[in-house]
Protein backbone atom coordinates (compact mmCIF):
# COMPACT_ATOMS: atom_id res chain seq x y z
CA UNK A 1 128.21 17.26 38.82
CA UNK A 2 129.10 19.15 36.53
CA UNK A 3 128.92 23.41 36.34
CA UNK A 4 126.27 25.35 33.95
CA UNK A 5 127.78 26.77 30.73
CA UNK A 6 126.07 30.33 31.48
CA UNK A 7 126.04 29.78 35.52
CA UNK A 8 129.40 28.72 36.91
CA UNK A 9 127.65 28.90 40.41
CA UNK A 10 124.43 25.82 40.29
CA UNK A 11 125.88 22.66 39.45
CA UNK A 12 123.47 20.73 37.01
CA UNK A 13 123.39 16.98 35.92
CA UNK A 14 121.21 17.98 32.32
CA UNK A 15 124.20 17.83 29.42
CA UNK A 16 124.16 18.89 25.96
CA UNK A 17 126.10 15.77 24.18
CA UNK A 18 126.22 17.99 20.39
CA UNK A 19 127.37 20.38 22.27
CA UNK A 20 129.06 18.98 25.31
CA UNK A 21 128.24 21.86 27.32
CA UNK A 22 126.11 21.08 30.86
CA UNK A 23 123.20 23.21 31.27
CA UNK A 24 121.31 24.48 34.31
CA UNK A 25 117.17 23.80 35.07
CA UNK A 26 116.91 28.21 33.83
CA UNK A 27 118.78 27.50 30.12
CA UNK A 28 117.33 24.46 30.01
CA UNK A 29 116.61 24.84 26.21
CA UNK A 30 117.52 23.38 22.36
CA UNK A 31 120.43 25.48 21.17
CA UNK A 32 119.57 24.05 18.14
CA UNK A 33 116.21 22.70 17.52
CA UNK A 34 115.85 23.03 13.66
CA UNK A 35 119.41 21.04 13.21
CA UNK A 36 119.95 17.58 13.04
CA UNK A 37 120.75 16.41 16.06
CA UNK A 38 121.69 12.46 16.06
CA UNK A 39 121.18 12.84 20.26
CA UNK A 40 117.64 14.35 19.45
CA UNK A 41 115.49 10.79 20.58
CA UNK A 42 117.14 10.75 23.82
CA UNK A 43 117.86 13.90 24.54
CA UNK A 44 116.44 15.25 28.19
CA UNK A 45 117.11 18.51 27.20
CA UNK A 46 114.77 18.61 24.09
CA UNK A 47 112.09 16.88 26.25
CA UNK A 48 111.98 19.29 29.19
CA UNK A 49 112.28 22.77 26.71
CA UNK A 50 110.33 21.46 24.38
CA UNK A 51 107.80 20.46 27.56
CA UNK A 52 108.85 23.68 29.30
CA UNK A 53 107.98 25.73 26.26
CA UNK A 54 104.28 23.77 25.89
CA UNK A 55 104.99 22.22 22.32
CA UNK A 56 104.41 18.20 23.27
CA UNK A 57 102.58 16.60 21.03
CA UNK A 58 101.42 14.61 23.24
CA UNK A 59 99.77 16.95 24.87
CA UNK A 60 98.34 18.79 21.94
CA UNK A 61 97.23 16.08 21.05
CA UNK A 62 94.99 15.42 23.94
CA UNK A 63 93.67 19.10 23.97
CA UNK A 64 92.49 18.21 20.99
CA UNK A 65 90.52 15.10 21.01
CA UNK A 66 89.07 16.93 24.08
CA UNK A 67 87.75 19.86 22.03
CA UNK A 68 85.78 17.33 19.80
CA UNK A 69 82.46 17.93 19.23
CA UNK A 70 79.86 15.47 17.34
CA UNK A 71 76.65 16.34 15.46
CA UNK A 72 73.64 14.20 17.14
CA UNK A 73 70.44 13.77 15.22
CA UNK A 74 67.43 13.67 17.20
CA UNK A 75 63.80 12.09 15.64
CA UNK A 76 60.76 12.87 14.98
CA UNK A 77 62.34 16.52 14.03
CA UNK A 78 65.65 15.92 13.21
CA UNK A 79 67.06 18.75 15.24
CA UNK A 80 70.61 18.22 15.75
CA UNK A 81 73.10 19.41 18.44
CA UNK A 82 76.51 19.49 19.25
CA UNK A 83 78.24 17.30 21.46
CA UNK A 84 81.58 17.57 23.35
CA UNK A 85 83.96 14.92 24.48
CA UNK A 86 83.19 13.80 27.48
CA UNK A 87 79.56 15.43 28.14
CA UNK A 88 77.33 13.64 30.24
CA UNK A 89 73.50 13.13 30.03
CA UNK A 90 72.65 15.86 31.83
CA UNK A 91 74.29 19.38 30.44
CA UNK A 92 73.01 17.30 27.30
CA UNK A 93 69.32 17.32 28.71
CA UNK A 94 70.02 20.61 29.36
CA UNK A 95 70.61 22.06 25.92
CA UNK A 96 67.87 20.62 23.97
CA UNK A 97 64.86 22.49 23.20
CA UNK A 98 61.34 21.40 24.84
CA UNK A 99 59.56 20.29 22.20
CA UNK A 100 63.02 17.47 21.67
CA UNK A 101 63.88 16.44 25.20
CA UNK A 102 59.67 15.47 24.72
CA UNK A 103 59.74 13.65 22.12
CA UNK A 104 62.89 12.13 23.70
CA UNK A 105 61.82 11.45 26.80
CA UNK A 106 58.64 9.68 25.09
CA UNK A 107 61.37 7.26 22.89
CA UNK A 108 62.90 5.48 25.90
């Protein structure tokens, strides 16, 4: 283990291969995030700093996917409601107006 470039009293194993410097967990952030780095695809500092900032694309994609709404139309009156991904039938029924719910129940 080596010493952090900013905190010589701390040991760390996080190496910036571009600058050949070691960073502790407190300092763990890419120094040049907007400049090309040939090591970026395998750089743990890059990925950990992005995750720490909440910018991880996988997490953002999961968050946006969980917020998708779908328009559902109920016959015979063609009443439309928005249904979120992951919504249960019980939650859906609680949002329906009484007439629509009665018509929906009769169709089954």
